[in-house]
Amino acid sequence: MHMKDCIKTKKISFKYHASKTSVLEAVFARGDRRLSKVLYKAWQKGCYFDSWDEHFYFDRWLEAMEECGLTVEFYANRHRELDEVFPWSHLDYGVSEAFLKREWKKAMNAETTKNCREQCAGCGANRLLERKGGKCVW
C-alpha cells in the first residue's frame, strides 16, 4: 500500500482495513429487514468473525445477497432522495429529521455548523431532554 509505505516515522500510526469490509459495513449501515436473510445465509456459508481478515469471505457474502435477490449496489452505492424512508426513520433519538436534512445539504455545500456551545444548531435534542426532565447540556 503506497500510503503506508510513505510513512517513515514511528510517530505516525496508520490503521486501515480492506475496502471489501467497508463495502459490507456500508450495506448494513443502510440496510433494512431484508438483510436478516442475507445475514443468516452468510452464517450458513461459514461467515463469522468477519472483522478478522483471515475469516472474511466477501464472495460468500455476495452469494448470500444474490440468493436473497438483493445487491450490494442497492444498499451501498445508490443515490437516495431526502424524502426516502430510511431504516432508522422510526427511531426517536432526539435529533429531528429536518435538522439532519439541513446538515446533509450544508455538507454538500462544504458548509459547517457552529459548535452547540457557541450557538444552538436547532437539532431538537433539547426537546427530547426536556421530556425526560432535563435540558440541553450545551
Foldseek 3Di string as FASTA:
>chain_A
DVVVVPDDDPVDDDDDDDVLVVLVVQQVVQDAPLCVQLVVQLVVVQQDPCVDVVRNDSVSSQVSQVVSVHHSCVRRPDDDDLPDCTRCNPDCPQFDSVLVVVVVVCVVVVHDDDDVVVPNSPRRNQVVQVVVVHGDPD
